[in-house]
N, C-alpha and C. Protein backbone atom coordinates (compact mmCIF):
# COMPACT_ATOMS: atom_id res chain seq x y z
N MET A 1 0.84 -1.20 0.00
CA MET A 1 0.00 0.00 0.00
C MET A 1 0.89 1.26 0.00
N ALA A 2 0.54 2.22 -0.83
CA ALA A 2 1.29 3.47 -0.90
C ALA A 2 1.17 4.23 0.41
N VAL A 3 2.21 5.02 0.71
CA VAL A 3 2.20 5.82 1.93
C VAL A 3 1.02 6.77 1.96
N THR A 4 0.74 7.41 0.83
CA THR A 4 -0.37 8.35 0.79
C THR A 4 -1.70 7.66 1.07
N ASP A 5 -1.84 6.43 0.65
CA ASP A 5 -3.06 5.67 0.94
C ASP A 5 -3.17 5.36 2.43
N LYS A 6 -2.02 5.07 3.05
CA LYS A 6 -2.03 4.81 4.50
C LYS A 6 -2.44 6.05 5.28
N LEU A 7 -2.02 7.22 4.81
CA LEU A 7 -2.25 8.46 5.55
C LEU A 7 -3.61 9.10 5.25
N ALA A 8 -4.19 8.77 4.11
CA ALA A 8 -5.44 9.37 3.71
C ALA A 8 -6.53 9.15 4.76
N GLY A 9 -7.19 10.23 5.13
CA GLY A 9 -8.28 10.16 6.10
C GLY A 9 -7.85 10.16 7.55
N LYS A 10 -6.56 10.28 7.82
CA LYS A 10 -6.07 10.25 9.20
C LYS A 10 -6.19 11.64 9.85
N PHE A 11 -6.40 11.61 11.17
CA PHE A 11 -6.54 12.84 11.97
C PHE A 11 -5.37 12.90 12.96
N ILE A 12 -4.45 13.82 12.71
CA ILE A 12 -3.27 14.01 13.55
C ILE A 12 -3.47 15.27 14.38
N VAL A 13 -3.26 15.15 15.69
CA VAL A 13 -3.52 16.28 16.60
C VAL A 13 -2.25 16.69 17.34
N ILE A 14 -2.07 18.00 17.47
CA ILE A 14 -1.03 18.57 18.31
C ILE A 14 -1.68 19.12 19.56
N GLU A 15 -1.17 18.71 20.73
CA GLU A 15 -1.66 19.22 22.01
C GLU A 15 -0.50 19.87 22.77
N GLY A 16 -0.83 20.74 23.70
CA GLY A 16 0.22 21.35 24.50
C GLY A 16 -0.24 22.61 25.20
N LEU A 17 0.55 23.05 26.15
CA LEU A 17 0.26 24.28 26.88
C LEU A 17 0.57 25.50 26.00
N GLU A 18 0.18 26.67 26.51
CA GLU A 18 0.52 27.92 25.85
C GLU A 18 2.04 28.03 25.71
N GLY A 19 2.49 28.47 24.54
CA GLY A 19 3.91 28.66 24.33
C GLY A 19 4.68 27.41 23.99
N ALA A 20 3.99 26.29 23.81
CA ALA A 20 4.68 25.03 23.52
C ALA A 20 5.17 24.96 22.07
N GLY A 21 4.60 25.81 21.21
CA GLY A 21 5.02 25.81 19.81
C GLY A 21 4.15 24.97 18.90
N LYS A 22 2.85 24.96 19.15
CA LYS A 22 1.96 24.12 18.35
C LYS A 22 1.94 24.53 16.88
N SER A 23 1.91 25.83 16.62
CA SER A 23 1.85 26.30 15.23
C SER A 23 3.10 25.88 14.45
N THR A 24 4.25 26.00 15.09
CA THR A 24 5.50 25.58 14.44
C THR A 24 5.49 24.07 14.21
N ALA A 25 5.02 23.32 15.20
CA ALA A 25 4.96 21.86 15.08
C ALA A 25 4.05 21.45 13.92
N ILE A 26 2.96 22.17 13.74
CA ILE A 26 2.06 21.87 12.63
C ILE A 26 2.77 22.05 11.29
N SER A 27 3.61 23.08 11.20
CA SER A 27 4.39 23.28 9.96
C SER A 27 5.36 22.12 9.74
N TYR A 28 5.89 21.54 10.83
CA TYR A 28 6.78 20.39 10.70
C TYR A 28 6.01 19.17 10.21
N ILE A 29 4.79 18.99 10.71
CA ILE A 29 3.97 17.86 10.25
C ILE A 29 3.68 18.01 8.76
N ALA A 30 3.34 19.23 8.34
CA ALA A 30 3.08 19.48 6.92
C ALA A 30 4.33 19.16 6.08
N LYS A 31 5.49 19.52 6.60
CA LYS A 31 6.75 19.23 5.91
C LYS A 31 6.97 17.72 5.80
N TRP A 32 6.66 17.02 6.87
CA TRP A 32 6.79 15.55 6.87
C TRP A 32 5.82 14.92 5.87
N LEU A 33 4.61 15.44 5.81
CA LEU A 33 3.63 14.92 4.86
C LEU A 33 4.09 15.15 3.42
N ALA A 34 4.67 16.33 3.17
CA ALA A 34 5.18 16.62 1.83
C ALA A 34 6.31 15.65 1.47
N LYS A 35 7.15 15.36 2.46
CA LYS A 35 8.25 14.41 2.25
C LYS A 35 7.72 13.02 1.87
N ASN A 36 6.51 12.73 2.35
CA ASN A 36 5.88 11.45 2.06
C ASN A 36 4.86 11.55 0.93
N ASN A 37 5.04 12.59 0.11
CA ASN A 37 4.29 12.77 -1.14
C ASN A 37 2.80 13.03 -0.97
N MET A 38 2.41 13.57 0.20
CA MET A 38 1.01 13.94 0.37
C MET A 38 0.79 15.34 -0.22
N PRO A 39 -0.08 15.47 -1.22
CA PRO A 39 -0.32 16.77 -1.85
C PRO A 39 -0.86 17.79 -0.84
N SER A 40 -0.41 19.03 -0.93
CA SER A 40 -0.84 20.07 0.02
C SER A 40 -2.34 20.28 -0.03
N GLU A 41 -2.94 20.10 -1.22
CA GLU A 41 -4.38 20.30 -1.34
C GLU A 41 -5.18 19.16 -0.70
N GLN A 42 -4.47 18.13 -0.23
CA GLN A 42 -5.13 17.01 0.44
C GLN A 42 -4.88 17.06 1.95
N ILE A 43 -4.52 18.24 2.45
CA ILE A 43 -4.31 18.43 3.89
C ILE A 43 -5.27 19.50 4.38
N THR A 44 -5.98 19.21 5.46
CA THR A 44 -6.90 20.17 6.08
C THR A 44 -6.38 20.52 7.46
N TYR A 45 -6.37 21.82 7.77
CA TYR A 45 -5.89 22.30 9.06
C TYR A 45 -7.07 22.80 9.90
N THR A 46 -7.07 22.44 11.19
CA THR A 46 -8.13 22.91 12.08
C THR A 46 -7.54 23.45 13.37
N ARG A 47 -8.32 24.22 14.09
CA ARG A 47 -7.93 24.66 15.43
C ARG A 47 -9.15 24.61 16.34
N GLU A 48 -8.86 24.43 17.64
CA GLU A 48 -9.95 24.38 18.62
C GLU A 48 -9.65 25.30 19.79
N PRO A 49 -10.70 25.96 20.31
CA PRO A 49 -12.03 26.04 19.70
C PRO A 49 -11.97 26.89 18.44
N GLY A 50 -12.82 26.59 17.48
CA GLY A 50 -12.86 27.35 16.24
C GLY A 50 -13.00 26.44 15.04
N GLY A 51 -12.78 27.01 13.87
CA GLY A 51 -12.76 26.22 12.65
C GLY A 51 -14.01 26.27 11.81
N THR A 52 -15.12 26.75 12.36
CA THR A 52 -16.33 27.05 11.59
C THR A 52 -16.80 28.42 12.05
N GLU A 53 -17.75 28.99 11.34
CA GLU A 53 -18.21 30.33 11.70
C GLU A 53 -18.77 30.35 13.13
N LEU A 54 -19.62 29.39 13.45
CA LEU A 54 -20.19 29.34 14.81
C LEU A 54 -19.11 29.03 15.84
N ALA A 55 -18.23 28.09 15.53
CA ALA A 55 -17.18 27.71 16.48
C ALA A 55 -16.22 28.86 16.74
N GLU A 56 -15.96 29.69 15.74
CA GLU A 56 -15.09 30.85 15.95
C GLU A 56 -15.76 31.89 16.86
N ARG A 57 -17.06 32.01 16.76
CA ARG A 57 -17.78 32.91 17.67
C ARG A 57 -17.71 32.39 19.10
N ILE A 58 -17.81 31.07 19.25
CA ILE A 58 -17.66 30.48 20.59
C ILE A 58 -16.25 30.72 21.10
N ARG A 59 -15.26 30.62 20.24
CA ARG A 59 -13.86 30.88 20.63
C ARG A 59 -13.74 32.29 21.22
N ASP A 60 -14.37 33.25 20.57
CA ASP A 60 -14.32 34.63 21.07
C ASP A 60 -14.92 34.73 22.47
N ILE A 61 -16.03 34.03 22.69
CA ILE A 61 -16.67 34.05 24.01
C ILE A 61 -15.75 33.46 25.07
N VAL A 62 -15.12 32.34 24.75
CA VAL A 62 -14.25 31.65 25.70
C VAL A 62 -13.01 32.48 26.02
N LYS A 63 -12.48 33.17 25.03
CA LYS A 63 -11.22 33.90 25.20
C LYS A 63 -11.38 35.27 25.86
N MET A 64 -12.56 35.89 25.73
CA MET A 64 -12.68 37.28 26.15
C MET A 64 -13.19 37.42 27.58
N ASP A 65 -12.93 38.60 28.15
CA ASP A 65 -13.49 38.97 29.45
C ASP A 65 -14.77 39.74 29.23
N VAL A 66 -15.78 39.46 30.05
CA VAL A 66 -17.04 40.18 29.98
C VAL A 66 -17.23 40.93 31.30
N VAL A 67 -17.36 42.22 31.23
CA VAL A 67 -17.50 43.04 32.43
C VAL A 67 -18.80 42.67 33.16
N GLY A 68 -18.68 42.33 34.43
CA GLY A 68 -19.86 42.08 35.25
C GLY A 68 -20.38 40.65 35.20
N GLU A 69 -19.74 39.78 34.41
CA GLU A 69 -20.21 38.39 34.35
C GLU A 69 -19.02 37.45 34.16
N THR A 70 -18.97 36.45 35.02
CA THR A 70 -17.89 35.47 34.95
C THR A 70 -18.38 34.22 34.21
N LEU A 71 -17.60 33.75 33.27
CA LEU A 71 -17.92 32.51 32.59
C LEU A 71 -17.65 31.34 33.54
N LYS A 72 -18.69 30.63 33.91
CA LYS A 72 -18.54 29.53 34.85
C LYS A 72 -17.81 28.35 34.20
N ASP A 73 -17.13 27.59 35.04
CA ASP A 73 -16.29 26.51 34.54
C ASP A 73 -17.06 25.51 33.69
N LYS A 74 -18.24 25.10 34.16
CA LYS A 74 -19.01 24.11 33.41
C LYS A 74 -19.58 24.71 32.13
N ALA A 75 -19.89 26.01 32.16
CA ALA A 75 -20.34 26.67 30.93
C ALA A 75 -19.20 26.71 29.91
N GLU A 76 -17.99 26.98 30.39
CA GLU A 76 -16.81 26.96 29.52
C GLU A 76 -16.64 25.58 28.88
N LEU A 77 -16.77 24.54 29.69
CA LEU A 77 -16.63 23.17 29.20
C LEU A 77 -17.66 22.88 28.11
N LEU A 78 -18.91 23.23 28.36
CA LEU A 78 -19.97 22.95 27.40
C LEU A 78 -19.79 23.75 26.11
N LEU A 79 -19.30 24.96 26.22
CA LEU A 79 -19.00 25.76 25.03
C LEU A 79 -17.91 25.09 24.19
N MET A 80 -16.90 24.56 24.87
CA MET A 80 -15.83 23.87 24.15
C MET A 80 -16.38 22.70 23.34
N TYR A 81 -17.29 21.94 23.94
CA TYR A 81 -17.84 20.80 23.22
C TYR A 81 -18.82 21.22 22.13
N ALA A 82 -19.53 22.31 22.33
CA ALA A 82 -20.40 22.82 21.27
C ALA A 82 -19.57 23.20 20.05
N ALA A 83 -18.45 23.88 20.29
CA ALA A 83 -17.57 24.26 19.18
C ALA A 83 -16.96 23.02 18.53
N ARG A 84 -16.61 22.04 19.35
CA ARG A 84 -15.97 20.82 18.84
C ARG A 84 -16.92 20.02 17.96
N VAL A 85 -18.17 19.91 18.36
CA VAL A 85 -19.15 19.20 17.55
C VAL A 85 -19.29 19.87 16.18
N GLN A 86 -19.37 21.20 16.17
CA GLN A 86 -19.50 21.92 14.90
C GLN A 86 -18.30 21.63 13.99
N LEU A 87 -17.11 21.66 14.58
CA LEU A 87 -15.89 21.43 13.80
C LEU A 87 -15.82 20.00 13.28
N VAL A 88 -16.09 19.02 14.13
CA VAL A 88 -16.00 17.62 13.72
C VAL A 88 -17.01 17.31 12.62
N GLU A 89 -18.23 17.76 12.80
CA GLU A 89 -19.28 17.40 11.85
C GLU A 89 -19.20 18.18 10.54
N HIS A 90 -18.77 19.44 10.61
CA HIS A 90 -18.76 20.28 9.40
C HIS A 90 -17.42 20.33 8.67
N VAL A 91 -16.34 19.97 9.36
CA VAL A 91 -15.02 20.11 8.73
C VAL A 91 -14.24 18.79 8.76
N ILE A 92 -14.03 18.24 9.96
CA ILE A 92 -13.10 17.11 10.07
C ILE A 92 -13.63 15.86 9.37
N LYS A 93 -14.83 15.45 9.70
CA LYS A 93 -15.37 14.23 9.07
C LYS A 93 -15.50 14.36 7.55
N PRO A 94 -16.02 15.48 7.03
CA PRO A 94 -16.06 15.62 5.57
C PRO A 94 -14.67 15.57 4.93
N ALA A 95 -13.68 16.17 5.59
CA ALA A 95 -12.32 16.13 5.06
C ALA A 95 -11.79 14.69 5.04
N GLN A 96 -12.05 13.96 6.11
CA GLN A 96 -11.62 12.55 6.14
C GLN A 96 -12.31 11.74 5.05
N ASN A 97 -13.59 12.01 4.86
CA ASN A 97 -14.33 11.28 3.81
C ASN A 97 -13.78 11.58 2.43
N ASN A 98 -13.14 12.74 2.27
CA ASN A 98 -12.52 13.12 1.01
C ASN A 98 -11.04 12.71 0.95
N GLN A 99 -10.64 11.84 1.90
CA GLN A 99 -9.29 11.28 1.93
C GLN A 99 -8.21 12.31 2.25
N HIS A 100 -8.60 13.39 2.95
CA HIS A 100 -7.62 14.36 3.41
C HIS A 100 -6.96 13.89 4.70
N VAL A 101 -5.73 14.33 4.91
CA VAL A 101 -5.13 14.25 6.24
C VAL A 101 -5.54 15.50 6.98
N VAL A 102 -6.04 15.35 8.19
CA VAL A 102 -6.45 16.51 9.00
C VAL A 102 -5.41 16.71 10.10
N ILE A 103 -4.90 17.93 10.19
CA ILE A 103 -3.96 18.28 11.25
C ILE A 103 -4.68 19.24 12.19
N GLY A 104 -4.86 18.82 13.44
CA GLY A 104 -5.62 19.61 14.40
C GLY A 104 -4.76 20.29 15.44
N ASP A 105 -4.95 21.58 15.61
CA ASP A 105 -4.36 22.34 16.70
C ASP A 105 -5.32 22.22 17.88
N ARG A 106 -5.09 21.22 18.72
CA ARG A 106 -5.91 20.84 19.88
C ARG A 106 -7.11 20.00 19.45
N HIS A 107 -7.54 19.14 20.40
CA HIS A 107 -8.78 18.40 20.26
C HIS A 107 -9.27 18.04 21.65
N ASN A 108 -9.82 16.85 21.81
CA ASN A 108 -10.53 16.50 23.05
C ASN A 108 -9.66 16.53 24.29
N TRP A 109 -8.38 16.18 24.17
CA TRP A 109 -7.52 16.17 25.35
C TRP A 109 -7.42 17.54 26.01
N SER A 110 -7.56 18.59 25.23
CA SER A 110 -7.47 19.92 25.82
C SER A 110 -8.58 20.16 26.84
N SER A 111 -9.75 19.59 26.60
CA SER A 111 -10.83 19.73 27.58
C SER A 111 -10.54 18.93 28.84
N LEU A 112 -10.03 17.71 28.66
CA LEU A 112 -9.67 16.89 29.82
C LEU A 112 -8.57 17.57 30.64
N ALA A 113 -7.60 18.19 29.95
CA ALA A 113 -6.47 18.80 30.64
C ALA A 113 -6.83 20.16 31.24
N TYR A 114 -7.46 21.02 30.46
CA TYR A 114 -7.74 22.38 30.92
C TYR A 114 -8.95 22.44 31.84
N GLN A 115 -10.07 21.91 31.37
CA GLN A 115 -11.27 21.97 32.22
C GLN A 115 -11.24 20.89 33.30
N GLY A 116 -10.62 19.75 33.01
CA GLY A 116 -10.50 18.70 34.01
C GLY A 116 -9.37 18.96 34.98
N GLY A 117 -8.13 18.93 34.48
CA GLY A 117 -6.99 19.16 35.36
C GLY A 117 -6.94 20.58 35.91
N GLY A 118 -7.02 21.56 35.01
CA GLY A 118 -6.90 22.95 35.42
C GLY A 118 -8.07 23.44 36.25
N ARG A 119 -9.28 23.26 35.74
CA ARG A 119 -10.49 23.76 36.42
C ARG A 119 -10.95 22.83 37.54
N GLY A 120 -10.55 21.57 37.48
CA GLY A 120 -10.95 20.64 38.52
C GLY A 120 -12.29 19.98 38.30
N ILE A 121 -12.81 20.04 37.07
CA ILE A 121 -14.07 19.37 36.77
C ILE A 121 -13.80 17.86 36.68
N ASP A 122 -14.73 17.08 37.19
CA ASP A 122 -14.57 15.63 37.23
C ASP A 122 -14.30 15.08 35.83
N LEU A 123 -13.24 14.30 35.70
CA LEU A 123 -12.84 13.77 34.39
C LEU A 123 -13.88 12.82 33.81
N GLN A 124 -14.56 12.08 34.67
CA GLN A 124 -15.59 11.17 34.17
C GLN A 124 -16.76 11.95 33.58
N LEU A 125 -17.10 13.09 34.20
CA LEU A 125 -18.16 13.94 33.65
C LEU A 125 -17.76 14.42 32.25
N ILE A 126 -16.50 14.82 32.09
CA ILE A 126 -16.03 15.27 30.79
C ILE A 126 -16.09 14.13 29.78
N GLU A 127 -15.68 12.94 30.19
CA GLU A 127 -15.76 11.78 29.30
C GLU A 127 -17.20 11.50 28.89
N ASP A 128 -18.12 11.66 29.84
CA ASP A 128 -19.54 11.43 29.53
C ASP A 128 -20.04 12.45 28.50
N ILE A 129 -19.66 13.72 28.67
CA ILE A 129 -20.06 14.77 27.73
C ILE A 129 -19.44 14.49 26.36
N LYS A 130 -18.20 14.04 26.36
CA LYS A 130 -17.54 13.71 25.09
C LYS A 130 -18.29 12.59 24.39
N GLN A 131 -18.69 11.56 25.14
CA GLN A 131 -19.38 10.43 24.54
C GLN A 131 -20.72 10.86 23.95
N VAL A 132 -21.45 11.70 24.66
CA VAL A 132 -22.73 12.20 24.15
C VAL A 132 -22.51 13.07 22.91
N SER A 133 -21.45 13.88 22.93
CA SER A 133 -21.21 14.84 21.86
C SER A 133 -20.60 14.20 20.61
N LEU A 134 -19.61 13.34 20.81
CA LEU A 134 -18.80 12.86 19.69
C LEU A 134 -18.74 11.34 19.56
N GLY A 135 -19.29 10.63 20.53
CA GLY A 135 -19.22 9.18 20.49
C GLY A 135 -17.78 8.71 20.60
N ASP A 136 -17.39 7.78 19.75
CA ASP A 136 -16.05 7.21 19.80
C ASP A 136 -15.05 7.94 18.91
N PHE A 137 -15.44 9.07 18.36
CA PHE A 137 -14.53 9.82 17.48
C PHE A 137 -13.30 10.28 18.26
N LYS A 138 -12.11 10.08 17.67
CA LYS A 138 -10.87 10.48 18.33
C LYS A 138 -9.78 10.67 17.30
N ALA A 139 -8.68 11.24 17.74
CA ALA A 139 -7.51 11.41 16.88
C ALA A 139 -6.89 10.05 16.56
N ASP A 140 -6.29 9.95 15.37
CA ASP A 140 -5.55 8.74 15.02
C ASP A 140 -4.16 8.76 15.62
N PHE A 141 -3.59 9.95 15.79
CA PHE A 141 -2.26 10.08 16.37
C PHE A 141 -2.16 11.45 17.03
N THR A 142 -1.61 11.47 18.24
CA THR A 142 -1.49 12.72 19.00
C THR A 142 -0.04 12.96 19.39
N LEU A 143 0.43 14.17 19.11
CA LEU A 143 1.75 14.60 19.56
C LEU A 143 1.54 15.65 20.64
N TYR A 144 1.97 15.32 21.86
CA TYR A 144 1.86 16.26 22.96
C TYR A 144 3.20 16.98 23.15
N LEU A 145 3.19 18.30 23.01
CA LEU A 145 4.38 19.12 23.18
C LEU A 145 4.50 19.50 24.64
N ASP A 146 5.43 18.89 25.33
CA ASP A 146 5.57 19.12 26.76
C ASP A 146 6.54 20.26 27.05
N ILE A 147 6.12 21.17 27.93
CA ILE A 147 6.96 22.31 28.29
C ILE A 147 6.63 22.74 29.71
N ASP A 148 7.64 23.20 30.44
CA ASP A 148 7.40 23.76 31.76
C ASP A 148 6.49 24.98 31.62
N PRO A 149 5.42 25.06 32.42
CA PRO A 149 4.49 26.17 32.27
C PRO A 149 5.12 27.55 32.35
N GLU A 150 6.12 27.73 33.21
CA GLU A 150 6.78 29.03 33.32
C GLU A 150 7.42 29.42 31.99
N LEU A 151 8.11 28.48 31.37
CA LEU A 151 8.75 28.75 30.08
C LEU A 151 7.70 29.00 29.00
N GLY A 152 6.67 28.18 28.99
CA GLY A 152 5.62 28.34 27.99
C GLY A 152 4.93 29.69 28.08
N LEU A 153 4.60 30.09 29.30
CA LEU A 153 3.91 31.38 29.48
C LEU A 153 4.82 32.55 29.15
N SER A 154 6.11 32.40 29.42
CA SER A 154 7.04 33.48 29.05
C SER A 154 7.10 33.63 27.54
N ARG A 155 7.05 32.52 26.83
CA ARG A 155 6.98 32.57 25.37
C ARG A 155 5.68 33.23 24.92
N ALA A 156 4.57 32.86 25.56
CA ALA A 156 3.27 33.41 25.20
C ALA A 156 3.24 34.92 25.42
N ARG A 157 3.83 35.37 26.52
CA ARG A 157 3.87 36.81 26.79
C ARG A 157 4.67 37.54 25.72
N GLY A 158 5.67 36.87 25.17
CA GLY A 158 6.47 37.47 24.12
C GLY A 158 5.69 37.69 22.84
N ARG A 159 4.56 37.00 22.68
CA ARG A 159 3.73 37.16 21.49
C ARG A 159 2.79 38.35 21.61
N GLY A 160 2.59 38.85 22.83
CA GLY A 160 1.67 39.97 23.02
C GLY A 160 0.80 39.78 24.24
N GLU A 161 -0.32 40.47 24.27
CA GLU A 161 -1.22 40.46 25.43
C GLU A 161 -1.83 39.08 25.63
N LEU A 162 -1.90 38.63 26.88
CA LEU A 162 -2.45 37.32 27.20
C LEU A 162 -3.97 37.37 27.26
N ASP A 163 -4.62 36.25 26.89
CA ASP A 163 -6.07 36.20 26.95
C ASP A 163 -6.53 35.74 28.34
N ARG A 164 -7.84 35.55 28.48
CA ARG A 164 -8.44 35.24 29.79
C ARG A 164 -7.85 33.97 30.40
N ILE A 165 -7.62 32.95 29.60
CA ILE A 165 -7.09 31.69 30.11
C ILE A 165 -5.59 31.80 30.36
N GLU A 166 -4.87 32.44 29.47
CA GLU A 166 -3.42 32.56 29.62
C GLU A 166 -3.02 33.35 30.87
N ARG A 167 -3.94 34.16 31.40
CA ARG A 167 -3.63 34.96 32.59
C ARG A 167 -3.87 34.21 33.90
N LEU A 168 -4.29 32.95 33.82
CA LEU A 168 -4.55 32.19 35.05
C LEU A 168 -3.25 31.88 35.79
N ALA A 169 -3.39 31.52 37.07
CA ALA A 169 -2.22 31.27 37.92
C ALA A 169 -1.44 30.06 37.42
N ILE A 170 -0.16 30.04 37.76
CA ILE A 170 0.74 29.00 37.26
C ILE A 170 0.31 27.60 37.70
N ASP A 171 -0.29 27.47 38.89
CA ASP A 171 -0.69 26.14 39.34
C ASP A 171 -1.80 25.55 38.48
N PHE A 172 -2.59 26.41 37.85
CA PHE A 172 -3.60 25.94 36.89
C PHE A 172 -2.91 25.17 35.76
N PHE A 173 -1.84 25.72 35.24
CA PHE A 173 -1.12 25.09 34.13
C PHE A 173 -0.32 23.88 34.57
N GLU A 174 0.12 23.88 35.82
CA GLU A 174 0.80 22.70 36.35
C GLU A 174 -0.16 21.52 36.39
N ARG A 175 -1.39 21.76 36.85
CA ARG A 175 -2.40 20.69 36.89
C ARG A 175 -2.76 20.23 35.47
N THR A 176 -2.88 21.20 34.57
CA THR A 176 -3.20 20.89 33.18
C THR A 176 -2.11 20.01 32.57
N ARG A 177 -0.86 20.37 32.83
CA ARG A 177 0.26 19.60 32.29
C ARG A 177 0.24 18.15 32.77
N GLN A 178 -0.08 17.95 34.04
CA GLN A 178 -0.08 16.59 34.59
C GLN A 178 -1.12 15.71 33.90
N VAL A 179 -2.27 16.27 33.56
CA VAL A 179 -3.29 15.48 32.86
C VAL A 179 -2.81 15.15 31.45
N PHE A 180 -2.22 16.12 30.76
CA PHE A 180 -1.67 15.84 29.43
C PHE A 180 -0.67 14.68 29.48
N LEU A 181 0.21 14.72 30.48
CA LEU A 181 1.24 13.67 30.59
C LEU A 181 0.62 12.30 30.85
N SER A 182 -0.40 12.27 31.70
CA SER A 182 -1.04 10.98 32.01
C SER A 182 -1.82 10.45 30.81
N LEU A 183 -2.46 11.33 30.06
CA LEU A 183 -3.19 10.91 28.86
C LEU A 183 -2.24 10.33 27.82
N THR A 184 -1.11 10.99 27.64
CA THR A 184 -0.14 10.52 26.65
C THR A 184 0.43 9.17 27.04
N LYS A 185 0.68 9.00 28.31
CA LYS A 185 1.23 7.73 28.80
C LYS A 185 0.26 6.57 28.59
N ALA A 186 -1.03 6.86 28.66
CA ALA A 186 -2.03 5.80 28.58
C ALA A 186 -2.47 5.47 27.16
N GLU A 187 -2.11 6.31 26.20
CA GLU A 187 -2.58 6.13 24.83
C GLU A 187 -1.44 5.63 23.94
N LYS A 188 -1.65 4.50 23.28
CA LYS A 188 -0.57 3.91 22.47
C LYS A 188 -0.26 4.75 21.24
N ASN A 189 -1.25 5.44 20.70
CA ASN A 189 -1.04 6.28 19.52
C ASN A 189 -0.85 7.75 19.91
N ALA A 190 0.00 7.95 20.91
CA ALA A 190 0.33 9.31 21.36
C ALA A 190 1.76 9.31 21.85
N VAL A 191 2.44 10.44 21.67
CA VAL A 191 3.84 10.57 22.10
C VAL A 191 4.05 11.94 22.73
N THR A 192 5.07 12.00 23.58
CA THR A 192 5.47 13.27 24.19
C THR A 192 6.72 13.79 23.48
N ILE A 193 6.68 15.06 23.11
CA ILE A 193 7.80 15.75 22.49
C ILE A 193 8.29 16.83 23.45
N ASP A 194 9.59 16.88 23.70
CA ASP A 194 10.16 17.90 24.58
C ASP A 194 10.19 19.23 23.83
N ALA A 195 9.23 20.09 24.14
CA ALA A 195 9.09 21.36 23.42
C ALA A 195 10.06 22.43 23.90
N SER A 196 10.85 22.13 24.93
CA SER A 196 11.84 23.11 25.41
C SER A 196 13.13 23.04 24.60
N GLU A 197 13.25 22.02 23.74
CA GLU A 197 14.45 21.87 22.93
C GLU A 197 14.48 22.90 21.79
N THR A 198 15.59 22.94 21.07
CA THR A 198 15.71 23.84 19.93
C THR A 198 14.74 23.44 18.84
N PRO A 199 14.36 24.37 17.98
CA PRO A 199 13.44 24.02 16.88
C PRO A 199 13.95 22.86 16.05
N GLU A 200 15.25 22.79 15.81
CA GLU A 200 15.81 21.71 15.01
C GLU A 200 15.60 20.36 15.67
N LEU A 201 15.80 20.29 16.98
CA LEU A 201 15.63 19.03 17.69
C LEU A 201 14.15 18.65 17.79
N VAL A 202 13.28 19.65 17.96
CA VAL A 202 11.84 19.38 18.01
C VAL A 202 11.37 18.82 16.67
N GLU A 203 11.83 19.43 15.59
CA GLU A 203 11.46 18.95 14.25
C GLU A 203 11.94 17.52 14.06
N LYS A 204 13.18 17.24 14.44
CA LYS A 204 13.73 15.89 14.30
C LYS A 204 12.93 14.88 15.11
N ALA A 205 12.54 15.25 16.33
CA ALA A 205 11.76 14.34 17.19
C ALA A 205 10.39 14.07 16.60
N ILE A 206 9.76 15.11 16.06
CA ILE A 206 8.44 14.94 15.45
C ILE A 206 8.52 14.03 14.23
N PHE A 207 9.52 14.24 13.39
CA PHE A 207 9.70 13.38 12.22
C PHE A 207 9.89 11.92 12.63
N LYS A 208 10.71 11.71 13.65
CA LYS A 208 10.97 10.35 14.10
C LYS A 208 9.70 9.67 14.60
N GLN A 209 8.91 10.38 15.41
CA GLN A 209 7.69 9.79 15.95
C GLN A 209 6.65 9.55 14.86
N LEU A 210 6.57 10.45 13.89
CA LEU A 210 5.65 10.24 12.78
C LEU A 210 6.08 9.05 11.93
N ASP A 211 7.38 8.91 11.73
CA ASP A 211 7.90 7.74 10.98
C ASP A 211 7.55 6.44 11.70
N ASN A 212 7.70 6.43 13.03
CA ASN A 212 7.38 5.24 13.82
C ASN A 212 5.90 4.90 13.71
N TRP A 213 5.06 5.93 13.77
CA TRP A 213 3.61 5.71 13.67
C TRP A 213 3.25 5.18 12.29
N LEU A 214 3.83 5.78 11.26
CA LEU A 214 3.55 5.36 9.90
C LEU A 214 3.92 3.89 9.69
N ALA A 215 5.00 3.48 10.29
CA ALA A 215 5.46 2.09 10.15
C ALA A 215 4.45 1.10 10.74
N ARG A 216 3.64 1.58 11.69
CA ARG A 216 2.64 0.70 12.32
C ARG A 216 1.33 0.64 11.56
N LEU A 217 1.13 1.56 10.62
CA LEU A 217 -0.15 1.61 9.91
C LEU A 217 -0.29 0.45 8.92
């Protein structure tokens, strides 16, 4: 079977804290796909929350501060899944059906890590909401970019003003990181990449892990 046939319809996800370098990592994945003869027009890129008109509006709600009203943790969680359903049903699944490779900037693990680990919402409740919303839909391969929260947030600050979530206390991100690490450890089609390394080493690590995954397909 040709490599492009093996990769067609696959959903590859990048996860990580703020400042981990997800956008750069996505460019490395695209480079790896090109190396394996996947046409650029057969690659679909997504981000969460967002990716459709309605999901982008939800992203704005989640990211912004509203004077006089606090977005409650469970409301935030439900908004994330509302946006995710729109993206999966209107973008990801149709792209997969058209034999595209989908590269996602975040997916379901971000809710488990941020709303579960960070916010402290029961992980089983989140799993139940995921099952109702998406059923058994999941990424085919996940690359988790691991970085110390202090370093990640310092990188994020270098990009400009922080949003509502990025301004949370450091212990929020410590808890979030621990859930990401535990999820990666438990999932056979997921790997941890040391995002504190140089761009060259991160690219090399991503290529190696993608090669290993491809060999198993």
